[in-house]
Amino acid sequence: MEVDYTDLVSNTEGAMRRVLAFCELDWDANCAEIDTAATSRERDTVRQVTGRDSKTSISLEKPIFESSIHQWRDLITPEEAATVRTELDPFYARLGARWGDT
């Protein structure tokens, strides 16, 4: 099963309902909520063990957010995006151009 991040952000409950249905599990409203206190404790543990923090750990401590959607547009140049698109063209041709124009 594939879960699109944009769908997960914009329609968390719907996306999680599909995941649970795919797994043949009953719906539980807790699946659409993030326990930020638990992830904060986990982040502290990772920091203690590794001696460093990460963007992923920081992100996991927040409720679901939209700032990661299309963030690549700010991280790579148009030339780099064109190279990536060219390299992925064979996959788009086989799997569909879902991400080709996003």
PDB file of N, CA and C in Angstrom:
ATOM      1  N   MET A   1       0.835  -1.178   0.000  1.00  0.00           N
ATOM      2  CA  MET A   1       0.000   0.000   0.000  1.00  0.00           C
ATOM      3  C   MET A   1       0.879   1.239   0.000  1.00  0.00           C
ATOM      4  N   GLU A   2       0.452   2.242  -0.703  1.00  0.00           N
ATOM      5  CA  GLU A   2       1.171   3.507  -0.762  1.00  0.00           C
ATOM      6  C   GLU A   2       0.323   4.594  -0.122  1.00  0.00           C
ATOM      7  N   VAL A   3       0.957   5.396   0.721  1.00  0.00           N
ATOM      8  CA  VAL A   3       0.277   6.522   1.345  1.00  0.00           C
ATOM      9  C   VAL A   3       0.980   7.789   0.886  1.00  0.00           C
ATOM     10  N   ASP A   4       0.240   8.666   0.260  1.00  0.00           N
ATOM     11  CA  ASP A   4       0.785   9.928  -0.211  1.00  0.00           C
ATOM     12  C   ASP A   4       0.872  10.898   0.958  1.00  0.00           C
ATOM     13  N   TYR A   5       2.058  11.504   1.146  1.00  0.00           N
ATOM     14  CA  TYR A   5       2.260  12.399   2.284  1.00  0.00           C
ATOM     15  C   TYR A   5       1.291  13.579   2.261  1.00  0.00           C
ATOM     16  N   THR A   6       1.055  14.131   1.076  1.00  0.00           N
ATOM     17  CA  THR A   6       0.137  15.269   0.974  1.00  0.00           C
ATOM     18  C   THR A   6      -1.253  14.872   1.435  1.00  0.00           C
ATOM     19  N   ASP A   7      -1.692  13.679   1.058  1.00  0.00           N
ATOM     20  CA  ASP A   7      -2.997  13.184   1.498  1.00  0.00           C
ATOM     21  C   ASP A   7      -3.005  12.968   3.006  1.00  0.00           C
ATOM     22  N   LEU A   8      -1.925  12.419   3.523  1.00  0.00           N
ATOM     23  CA  LEU A   8      -1.833  12.182   4.964  1.00  0.00           C
ATOM     24  C   LEU A   8      -1.940  13.487   5.738  1.00  0.00           C
ATOM     25  N   VAL A   9      -1.323  14.552   5.224  1.00  0.00           N
ATOM     26  CA  VAL A   9      -1.366  15.850   5.883  1.00  0.00           C
ATOM     27  C   VAL A   9      -2.739  16.497   5.750  1.00  0.00           C
ATOM     28  N   SER A  10      -3.276  16.481   4.532  1.00  0.00           N
ATOM     29  CA  SER A  10      -4.527  17.207   4.293  1.00  0.00           C
ATOM     30  C   SER A  10      -5.767  16.423   4.700  1.00  0.00           C
ATOM     31  N   ASN A  11      -5.658  15.102   4.809  1.00  0.00           N
ATOM     32  CA  ASN A  11      -6.803  14.271   5.153  1.00  0.00           C
ATOM     33  C   ASN A  11      -6.321  13.111   6.029  1.00  0.00           C
ATOM     34  N   THR A  12      -5.776  13.443   7.192  1.00  0.00           N
ATOM     35  CA  THR A  12      -5.155  12.456   8.069  1.00  0.00           C
ATOM     36  C   THR A  12      -6.098  11.304   8.401  1.00  0.00           C
ATOM     37  N   GLU A  13      -7.291  11.630   8.825  1.00  0.00           N
ATOM     38  CA  GLU A  13      -8.221  10.565   9.211  1.00  0.00           C
ATOM     39  C   GLU A  13      -8.548   9.661   8.029  1.00  0.00           C
ATOM     40  N   GLY A  14      -8.842  10.243   6.879  1.00  0.00           N
ATOM     41  CA  GLY A  14      -9.166   9.438   5.701  1.00  0.00           C
ATOM     42  C   GLY A  14      -8.012   8.528   5.298  1.00  0.00           C
ATOM     43  N   ALA A  15      -6.801   9.081   5.308  1.00  0.00           N
ATOM     44  CA  ALA A  15      -5.620   8.287   4.943  1.00  0.00           C
ATOM     45  C   ALA A  15      -5.409   7.145   5.930  1.00  0.00           C
ATOM     46  N   MET A  16      -5.552   7.439   7.214  1.00  0.00           N
ATOM     47  CA  MET A  16      -5.351   6.393   8.219  1.00  0.00           C
ATOM     48  C   MET A  16      -6.465   5.354   8.193  1.00  0.00           C
ATOM     49  N   ARG A  17      -7.673   5.771   7.874  1.00  0.00           N
ATOM     50  CA  ARG A  17      -8.767   4.795   7.715  1.00  0.00           C
ATOM     51  C   ARG A  17      -8.439   3.812   6.594  1.00  0.00           C
ATOM     52  N   ARG A  18      -7.879   4.326   5.482  1.00  0.00           N
ATOM     53  CA  ARG A  18      -7.509   3.440   4.365  1.00  0.00           C
ATOM     54  C   ARG A  18      -6.390   2.479   4.772  1.00  0.00           C
ATOM     55  N   VAL A  19      -5.429   2.977   5.543  1.00  0.00           N
ATOM     56  CA  VAL A  19      -4.331   2.111   5.996  1.00  0.00           C
ATOM     57  C   VAL A  19      -4.879   0.986   6.874  1.00  0.00           C
ATOM     58  N   LEU A  20      -5.724   1.337   7.831  1.00  0.00           N
ATOM     59  CA  LEU A  20      -6.275   0.312   8.715  1.00  0.00           C
ATOM     60  C   LEU A  20      -7.152  -0.676   7.949  1.00  0.00           C
ATOM     61  N   ALA A  21      -7.930  -0.170   7.007  1.00  0.00           N
ATOM     62  CA  ALA A  21      -8.760  -1.069   6.195  1.00  0.00           C
ATOM     63  C   ALA A  21      -7.873  -2.010   5.395  1.00  0.00           C
ATOM     64  N   PHE A  22      -6.794  -1.501   4.837  1.00  0.00           N
ATOM     65  CA  PHE A  22      -5.854  -2.320   4.085  1.00  0.00           C
ATOM     66  C   PHE A  22      -5.285  -3.430   4.965  1.00  0.00           C
ATOM     67  N   CYS A  23      -5.024  -3.102   6.232  1.00  0.00           N
ATOM     68  CA  CYS A  23      -4.473  -4.071   7.189  1.00  0.00           C
ATOM     69  C   CYS A  23      -5.559  -4.930   7.824  1.00  0.00           C
ATOM     70  N   GLU A  24      -6.803  -4.687   7.403  1.00  0.00           N
ATOM     71  CA  GLU A  24      -7.968  -5.402   7.943  1.00  0.00           C
ATOM     72  C   GLU A  24      -8.095  -5.209   9.453  1.00  0.00           C
ATOM     73  N   LEU A  25      -7.900  -3.955   9.870  1.00  0.00           N
ATOM     74  CA  LEU A  25      -8.028  -3.577  11.273  1.00  0.00           C
ATOM     75  C   LEU A  25      -9.170  -2.589  11.428  1.00  0.00           C
ATOM     76  N   ASP A  26      -9.779  -2.588  12.602  1.00  0.00           N
ATOM     77  CA  ASP A  26     -10.856  -1.651  12.892  1.00  0.00           C
ATOM     78  C   ASP A  26     -10.294  -0.247  13.090  1.00  0.00           C
ATOM     79  N   TRP A  27     -11.141   0.726  12.790  1.00  0.00           N
ATOM     80  CA  TRP A  27     -10.765   2.113  12.966  1.00  0.00           C
ATOM     81  C   TRP A  27     -10.592   2.439  14.439  1.00  0.00           C
ATOM     82  N   ASP A  28      -9.534   3.183  14.748  1.00  0.00           N
ATOM     83  CA  ASP A  28      -9.277   3.689  16.090  1.00  0.00           C
ATOM     84  C   ASP A  28      -8.881   5.149  15.923  1.00  0.00           C
ATOM     85  N   ALA A  29      -9.640   6.055  16.531  1.00  0.00           N
ATOM     86  CA  ALA A  29      -9.401   7.492  16.368  1.00  0.00           C
ATOM     87  C   ALA A  29      -7.996   7.907  16.784  1.00  0.00           C
ATOM     88  N   ASN A  30      -7.361   7.152  17.652  1.00  0.00           N
ATOM     89  CA  ASN A  30      -5.991   7.478  18.069  1.00  0.00           C
ATOM     90  C   ASN A  30      -5.010   7.419  16.895  1.00  0.00           C
ATOM     91  N   CYS A  31      -5.382   6.717  15.840  1.00  0.00           N
ATOM     92  CA  CYS A  31      -4.498   6.616  14.677  1.00  0.00           C
ATOM     93  C   CYS A  31      -4.380   7.921  13.909  1.00  0.00           C
ATOM     94  N   ALA A  32      -5.271   8.840  14.138  1.00  0.00           N
ATOM     95  CA  ALA A  32      -5.226  10.130  13.451  1.00  0.00           C
ATOM     96  C   ALA A  32      -4.640  11.227  14.333  1.00  0.00           C
ATOM     97  N   GLU A  33      -4.147  10.853  15.506  1.00  0.00           N
ATOM     98  CA  GLU A  33      -3.573  11.818  16.438  1.00  0.00           C
ATOM     99  C   GLU A  33      -2.126  11.444  16.726  1.00  0.00           C
ATOM    100  N   ILE A  34      -1.318  12.423  16.990  1.00  0.00           N
ATOM    101  CA  ILE A  34       0.078  12.177  17.342  1.00  0.00           C
ATOM    102  C   ILE A  34       0.264  12.492  18.814  1.00  0.00           C
ATOM    103  N   ASP A  35       0.847  11.559  19.549  1.00  0.00           N
ATOM    104  CA  ASP A  35       1.136  11.748  20.961  1.00  0.00           C
ATOM    105  C   ASP A  35       2.468  12.491  21.067  1.00  0.00           C
ATOM    106  N   THR A  36       2.406  13.819  21.047  1.00  0.00           N
ATOM    107  CA  THR A  36       3.638  14.615  21.023  1.00  0.00           C
ATOM    108  C   THR A  36       4.449  14.472  22.314  1.00  0.00           C
ATOM    109  N   ALA A  37       3.802  14.146  23.428  1.00  0.00           N
ATOM    110  CA  ALA A  37       4.545  13.940  24.677  1.00  0.00           C
ATOM    111  C   ALA A  37       5.425  12.695  24.556  1.00  0.00           C
ATOM    112  N   ALA A  38       4.875  11.628  23.966  1.00  0.00           N
ATOM    113  CA  ALA A  38       5.650  10.399  23.790  1.00  0.00           C
ATOM    114  C   ALA A  38       6.802  10.618  22.822  1.00  0.00           C
ATOM    115  N   THR A  39       6.544  11.323  21.725  1.00  0.00           N
ATOM    116  CA  THR A  39       7.626  11.552  20.769  1.00  0.00           C
ATOM    117  C   THR A  39       8.682  12.486  21.342  1.00  0.00           C
ATOM    118  N   SER A  40       8.290  13.381  22.219  1.00  0.00           N
ATOM    119  CA  SER A  40       9.257  14.250  22.882  1.00  0.00           C
ATOM    120  C   SER A  40      10.190  13.419  23.767  1.00  0.00           C
ATOM    121  N   ARG A  41       9.627  12.461  24.494  1.00  0.00           N
ATOM    122  CA  ARG A  41      10.451  11.583  25.334  1.00  0.00           C
ATOM    123  C   ARG A  41      11.393  10.753  24.465  1.00  0.00           C
ATOM    124  N   GLU A  42      10.881  10.259  23.340  1.00  0.00           N
ATOM    125  CA  GLU A  42      11.717   9.471  22.436  1.00  0.00           C
ATOM    126  C   GLU A  42      12.840  10.325  21.859  1.00  0.00           C
ATOM    127  N   ARG A  43      12.534  11.575  21.536  1.00  0.00           N
ATOM    128  CA  ARG A  43      13.551  12.489  21.014  1.00  0.00           C
ATOM    129  C   ARG A  43      14.639  12.711  22.045  1.00  0.00           C
ATOM    130  N   ASP A  44      14.251  12.904  23.300  1.00  0.00           N
ATOM    131  CA  ASP A  44      15.238  13.076  24.368  1.00  0.00           C
ATOM    132  C   ASP A  44      16.138  11.847  24.478  1.00  0.00           C
ATOM    133  N   THR A  45      15.549  10.669  24.369  1.00  0.00           N
ATOM    134  CA  THR A  45      16.326   9.431  24.447  1.00  0.00           C
ATOM    135  C   THR A  45      17.327   9.348  23.297  1.00  0.00           C
ATOM    136  N   VAL A  46      16.873   9.653  22.087  1.00  0.00           N
ATOM    137  CA  VAL A  46      17.772   9.629  20.927  1.00  0.00           C
ATOM    138  C   VAL A  46      18.910  10.621  21.116  1.00  0.00           C
ATOM    139  N   ARG A  47      18.585  11.813  21.592  1.00  0.00           N
ATOM    140  CA  ARG A  47      19.620  12.826  21.841  1.00  0.00           C
ATOM    141  C   ARG A  47      20.636  12.344  22.865  1.00  0.00           C
ATOM    142  N   GLN A  48      20.155  11.686  23.928  1.00  0.00           N
ATOM    143  CA  GLN A  48      21.060  11.193  24.962  1.00  0.00           C
ATOM    144  C   GLN A  48      21.970  10.098  24.410  1.00  0.00           C
ATOM    145  N   VAL A  49      21.414   9.220  23.594  1.00  0.00           N
ATOM    146  CA  VAL A  49      22.192   8.103  23.062  1.00  0.00           C
ATOM    147  C   VAL A  49      23.170   8.560  21.983  1.00  0.00           C
ATOM    148  N   THR A  50      22.700   9.399  21.063  1.00  0.00           N
ATOM    149  CA  THR A  50      23.534   9.791  19.921  1.00  0.00           C
ATOM    150  C   THR A  50      24.321  11.067  20.153  1.00  0.00           C
ATOM    151  N   GLY A  51      23.873  11.874  21.114  1.00  0.00           N
ATOM    152  CA  GLY A  51      24.535  13.137  21.369  1.00  0.00           C
ATOM    153  C   GLY A  51      24.169  14.229  20.381  1.00  0.00           C
ATOM    154  N   ARG A  52      23.142  13.975  19.566  1.00  0.00           N
ATOM    155  CA  ARG A  52      22.729  14.993  18.598  1.00  0.00           C
ATOM    156  C   ARG A  52      21.237  14.901  18.330  1.00  0.00           C
ATOM    157  N   ASP A  53      20.755  15.910  17.657  1.00  0.00           N
ATOM    158  CA  ASP A  53      19.345  16.001  17.298  1.00  0.00           C
ATOM    159  C   ASP A  53      19.236  15.893  15.784  1.00  0.00           C
ATOM    160  N   SER A  54      18.051  15.725  15.281  1.00  0.00           N
ATOM    161  CA  SER A  54      17.859  15.667  13.836  1.00  0.00           C
ATOM    162  C   SER A  54      16.545  16.346  13.473  1.00  0.00           C
ATOM    163  N   LYS A  55      16.437  16.760  12.205  1.00  0.00           N
ATOM    164  CA  LYS A  55      15.195  17.368  11.741  1.00  0.00           C
ATOM    165  C   LYS A  55      14.041  16.380  11.865  1.00  0.00           C
ATOM    166  N   THR A  56      14.329  15.106  11.635  1.00  0.00           N
ATOM    167  CA  THR A  56      13.279  14.087  11.751  1.00  0.00           C
ATOM    168  C   THR A  56      12.763  14.014  13.178  1.00  0.00           C
ATOM    169  N   SER A  57      13.667  13.974  14.130  1.00  0.00           N
ATOM    170  CA  SER A  57      13.254  13.924  15.536  1.00  0.00           C
ATOM    171  C   SER A  57      12.431  15.146  15.913  1.00  0.00           C
ATOM    172  N   ILE A  58      12.866  16.297  15.456  1.00  0.00           N
ATOM    173  CA  ILE A  58      12.142  17.534  15.743  1.00  0.00           C
ATOM    174  C   ILE A  58      10.753  17.475  15.119  1.00  0.00           C
ATOM    175  N   SER A  59      10.672  16.998  13.878  1.00  0.00           N
ATOM    176  CA  SER A  59       9.384  16.907  13.176  1.00  0.00           C
ATOM    177  C   SER A  59       8.426  15.965  13.873  1.00  0.00           C
ATOM    178  N   LEU A  60       8.949  14.864  14.390  1.00  0.00           N
ATOM    179  CA  LEU A  60       8.088  13.879  15.048  1.00  0.00           C
ATOM    180  C   LEU A  60       7.475  14.405  16.336  1.00  0.00           C
ATOM    181  N   GLU A  61       8.027  15.476  16.848  1.00  0.00           N
ATOM    182  CA  GLU A  61       7.540  16.056  18.092  1.00  0.00           C
ATOM    183  C   GLU A  61       6.380  17.019  17.859  1.00  0.00           C
ATOM    184  N   LYS A  62       6.103  17.322  16.590  1.00  0.00           N
ATOM    185  CA  LYS A  62       5.047  18.275  16.260  1.00  0.00           C
ATOM    186  C   LYS A  62       3.815  17.536  15.739  1.00  0.00           C
ATOM    187  N   PRO A  63       2.654  18.156  15.860  1.00  0.00           N
ATOM    188  CA  PRO A  63       1.479  17.601  15.183  1.00  0.00           C
ATOM    189  C   PRO A  63       1.738  17.589  13.679  1.00  0.00           C
ATOM    190  N   ILE A  64       0.959  16.844  12.941  1.00  0.00           N
ATOM    191  CA  ILE A  64       1.164  16.748  11.498  1.00  0.00           C
ATOM    192  C   ILE A  64       1.165  18.148  10.890  1.00  0.00           C
ATOM    193  N   PHE A  65       2.053  18.381   9.938  1.00  0.00           N
ATOM    194  CA  PHE A  65       2.247  19.726   9.420  1.00  0.00           C
ATOM    195  C   PHE A  65       2.437  19.707   7.910  1.00  0.00           C
ATOM    196  N   GLU A  66       2.221  20.856   7.300  1.00  0.00           N
ATOM    197  CA  GLU A  66       2.271  20.965   5.844  1.00  0.00           C
ATOM    198  C   GLU A  66       3.590  21.505   5.312  1.00  0.00           C
ATOM    199  N   SER A  67       4.480  21.952   6.157  1.00  0.00           N
ATOM    200  CA  SER A  67       5.674  22.645   5.669  1.00  0.00           C
ATOM    201  C   SER A  67       6.626  21.754   4.881  1.00  0.00           C
ATOM    202  N   SER A  68       6.497  20.437   4.972  1.00  0.00           N
ATOM    203  CA  SER A  68       7.365  19.553   4.194  1.00  0.00           C
ATOM    204  C   SER A  68       6.858  19.320   2.775  1.00  0.00           C
ATOM    205  N   ILE A  69       5.602  19.658   2.518  1.00  0.00           N
ATOM    206  CA  ILE A  69       5.045  19.433   1.189  1.00  0.00           C
ATOM    207  C   ILE A  69       5.754  20.344   0.196  1.00  0.00           C
ATOM    208  N   HIS A  70       6.291  19.761  -0.831  1.00  0.00           N
ATOM    209  CA  HIS A  70       6.997  20.473  -1.901  1.00  0.00           C
ATOM    210  C   HIS A  70       8.208  21.257  -1.403  1.00  0.00           C
ATOM    211  N   GLN A  71       8.778  20.881  -0.270  1.00  0.00           N
ATOM    212  CA  GLN A  71       9.937  21.616   0.239  1.00  0.00           C
ATOM    213  C   GLN A  71      11.141  21.492  -0.686  1.00  0.00           C
ATOM    214  N   TRP A  72      11.140  20.467  -1.527  1.00  0.00           N
ATOM    215  CA  TRP A  72      12.242  20.288  -2.465  1.00  0.00           C
ATOM    216  C   TRP A  72      12.419  21.512  -3.364  1.00  0.00           C
ATOM    217  N   ARG A  73      11.337  22.241  -3.601  1.00  0.00           N
ATOM    218  CA  ARG A  73      11.420  23.417  -4.473  1.00  0.00           C
ATOM    219  C   ARG A  73      12.352  24.484  -3.896  1.00  0.00           C
ATOM    220  N   ASP A  74      12.503  24.503  -2.584  1.00  0.00           N
ATOM    221  CA  ASP A  74      13.399  25.462  -1.935  1.00  0.00           C
ATOM    222  C   ASP A  74      14.794  24.887  -1.697  1.00  0.00           C
ATOM    223  N   LEU A  75      14.943  23.586  -1.908  1.00  0.00           N
ATOM    224  CA  LEU A  75      16.208  22.929  -1.574  1.00  0.00           C
ATOM    225  C   LEU A  75      17.087  22.638  -2.782  1.00  0.00           C
ATOM    226  N   ILE A  76      16.488  22.526  -3.969  1.00  0.00           N
ATOM    227  CA  ILE A  76      17.288  22.237  -5.158  1.00  0.00           C
ATOM    228  C   ILE A  76      17.005  23.278  -6.244  1.00  0.00           C
ATOM    229  N   THR A  77      17.942  23.397  -7.142  1.00  0.00           N
ATOM    230  CA  THR A  77      17.804  24.374  -8.228  1.00  0.00           C
ATOM    231  C   THR A  77      16.878  23.820  -9.312  1.00  0.00           C
ATOM    232  N   PRO A  78      16.352  24.673 -10.175  1.00  0.00           N
ATOM    233  CA  PRO A  78      15.545  24.181 -11.294  1.00  0.00           C
ATOM    234  C   PRO A  78      16.324  23.198 -12.178  1.00  0.00           C
ATOM    235  N   GLU A  79      17.622  23.423 -12.327  1.00  0.00           N
ATOM    236  CA  GLU A  79      18.454  22.522 -13.125  1.00  0.00           C
ATOM    237  C   GLU A  79      18.530  21.142 -12.463  1.00  0.00           C
ATOM    238  N   GLU A  80      18.703  21.130 -11.141  1.00  0.00           N
ATOM    239  CA  GLU A  80      18.736  19.855 -10.421  1.00  0.00           C
ATOM    240  C   GLU A  80      17.392  19.149 -10.519  1.00  0.00           C
ATOM    241  N   ALA A  81      16.301  19.906 -10.418  1.00  0.00           N
ATOM    242  CA  ALA A  81      14.965  19.314 -10.550  1.00  0.00           C
ATOM    243  C   ALA A  81      14.791  18.697 -11.931  1.00  0.00           C
ATOM    244  N   ALA A  82      15.292  19.379 -12.972  1.00  0.00           N
ATOM    245  CA  ALA A  82      15.193  18.846 -14.335  1.00  0.00           C
ATOM    246  C   ALA A  82      15.992  17.553 -14.469  1.00  0.00           C
ATOM    247  N   THR A  83      17.160  17.495 -13.845  1.00  0.00           N
ATOM    248  CA  THR A  83      17.974  16.272 -13.874  1.00  0.00           C
ATOM    249  C   THR A  83      17.248  15.124 -13.186  1.00  0.00           C
ATOM    250  N   VAL A  84      16.683  15.396 -12.030  1.00  0.00           N
ATOM    251  CA  VAL A  84      15.936  14.369 -11.308  1.00  0.00           C
ATOM    252  C   VAL A  84      14.769  13.882 -12.160  1.00  0.00           C
ATOM    253  N   ARG A  85      14.025  14.814 -12.743  1.00  0.00           N
ATOM    254  CA  ARG A  85      12.878  14.458 -13.575  1.00  0.00           C
ATOM    255  C   ARG A  85      13.314  13.588 -14.751  1.00  0.00           C
ATOM    256  N   THR A  86      14.423  13.945 -15.387  1.00  0.00           N
ATOM    257  CA  THR A  86      14.937  13.160 -16.517  1.00  0.00           C
ATOM    258  C   THR A  86      15.317  11.756 -16.063  1.00  0.00           C
ATOM    259  N   GLU A  87      15.984  11.659 -14.936  1.00  0.00           N
ATOM    260  CA  GLU A  87      16.395  10.352 -14.414  1.00  0.00           C
ATOM    261  C   GLU A  87      15.189   9.494 -14.038  1.00  0.00           C
ATOM    262  N   LEU A  88      14.120  10.138 -13.606  1.00  0.00           N
ATOM    263  CA  LEU A  88      12.934   9.387 -13.183  1.00  0.00           C
ATOM    264  C   LEU A  88      11.948   9.123 -14.311  1.00  0.00           C
ATOM    265  N   ASP A  89      12.182   9.719 -15.486  1.00  0.00           N
ATOM    266  CA  ASP A  89      11.261   9.517 -16.615  1.00  0.00           C
ATOM    267  C   ASP A  89      10.933   8.051 -16.883  1.00  0.00           C
ATOM    268  N   PRO A  90      11.901   7.124 -16.836  1.00  0.00           N
ATOM    269  CA  PRO A  90      11.552   5.714 -17.068  1.00  0.00           C
ATOM    270  C   PRO A  90      10.556   5.178 -16.030  1.00  0.00           C
ATOM    271  N   PHE A  91      10.673   5.656 -14.796  1.00  0.00           N
ATOM    272  CA  PHE A  91       9.737   5.223 -13.756  1.00  0.00           C
ATOM    273  C   PHE A  91       8.364   5.841 -13.978  1.00  0.00           C
ATOM    274  N   TYR A  92       8.338   7.129 -14.371  1.00  0.00           N
ATOM    275  CA  TYR A  92       7.069   7.777 -14.682  1.00  0.00           C
ATOM    276  C   TYR A  92       6.369   7.028 -15.806  1.00  0.00           C
ATOM    277  N   ALA A  93       7.135   6.634 -16.816  1.00  0.00           N
ATOM    278  CA  ALA A  93       6.547   5.936 -17.964  1.00  0.00           C
ATOM    279  C   ALA A  93       5.943   4.606 -17.531  1.00  0.00           C
ATOM    280  N   ARG A  94       6.585   3.939 -16.590  1.00  0.00           N
ATOM    281  CA  ARG A  94       6.105   2.630 -16.144  1.00  0.00           C
ATOM    282  C   ARG A  94       5.032   2.733 -15.078  1.00  0.00           C
ATOM    283  N   LEU A  95       5.170   3.687 -14.167  1.00  0.00           N
ATOM    284  CA  LEU A  95       4.298   3.752 -12.991  1.00  0.00           C
ATOM    285  C   LEU A  95       3.274   4.882 -13.049  1.00  0.00           C
ATOM    286  N   GLY A  96       3.416   5.758 -14.011  1.00  0.00           N
ATOM    287  CA  GLY A  96       2.521   6.911 -14.097  1.00  0.00           C
ATOM    288  C   GLY A  96       3.240   8.166 -13.663  1.00  0.00           C
ATOM    289  N   ALA A  97       2.817   9.277 -14.181  1.00  0.00           N
ATOM    290  CA  ALA A  97       3.508  10.547 -13.943  1.00  0.00           C
ATOM    291  C   ALA A  97       2.988  11.271 -12.714  1.00  0.00           C
ATOM    292  N   ARG A  98       2.610  10.541 -11.715  1.00  0.00           N
ATOM    293  CA  ARG A  98       2.011  11.130 -10.521  1.00  0.00           C
ATOM    294  C   ARG A  98       2.814  12.281  -9.929  1.00  0.00           C
ATOM    295  N   TRP A  99       4.119  12.122  -9.885  1.00  0.00           N
ATOM    296  CA  TRP A  99       4.959  13.154  -9.274  1.00  0.00           C
ATOM    297  C   TRP A  99       5.669  14.016 -10.307  1.00  0.00           C
ATOM    298  N   GLY A 100       5.488  13.727 -11.547  1.00  0.00           N
ATOM    299  CA  GLY A 100       6.239  14.404 -12.593  1.00  0.00           C
ATOM    300  C   GLY A 100       6.043  15.898 -12.639  1.00  0.00           C
ATOM    301  N   ASP A 101       4.857  16.384 -12.326  1.00  0.00           N
ATOM    302  CA  ASP A 101       4.588  17.815 -12.438  1.00  0.00           C
ATOM    303  C   ASP A 101       4.301  18.481 -11.106  1.00  0.00           C
ATOM    304  N   THR A 102       4.647  17.842 -10.013  1.00  0.00           N
ATOM    305  CA  THR A 102       4.352  18.421  -8.695  1.00  0.00           C
ATOM    306  C   THR A 102       5.489  19.247  -8.188  1.00  0.00           C
TER     307      THR A 102
END
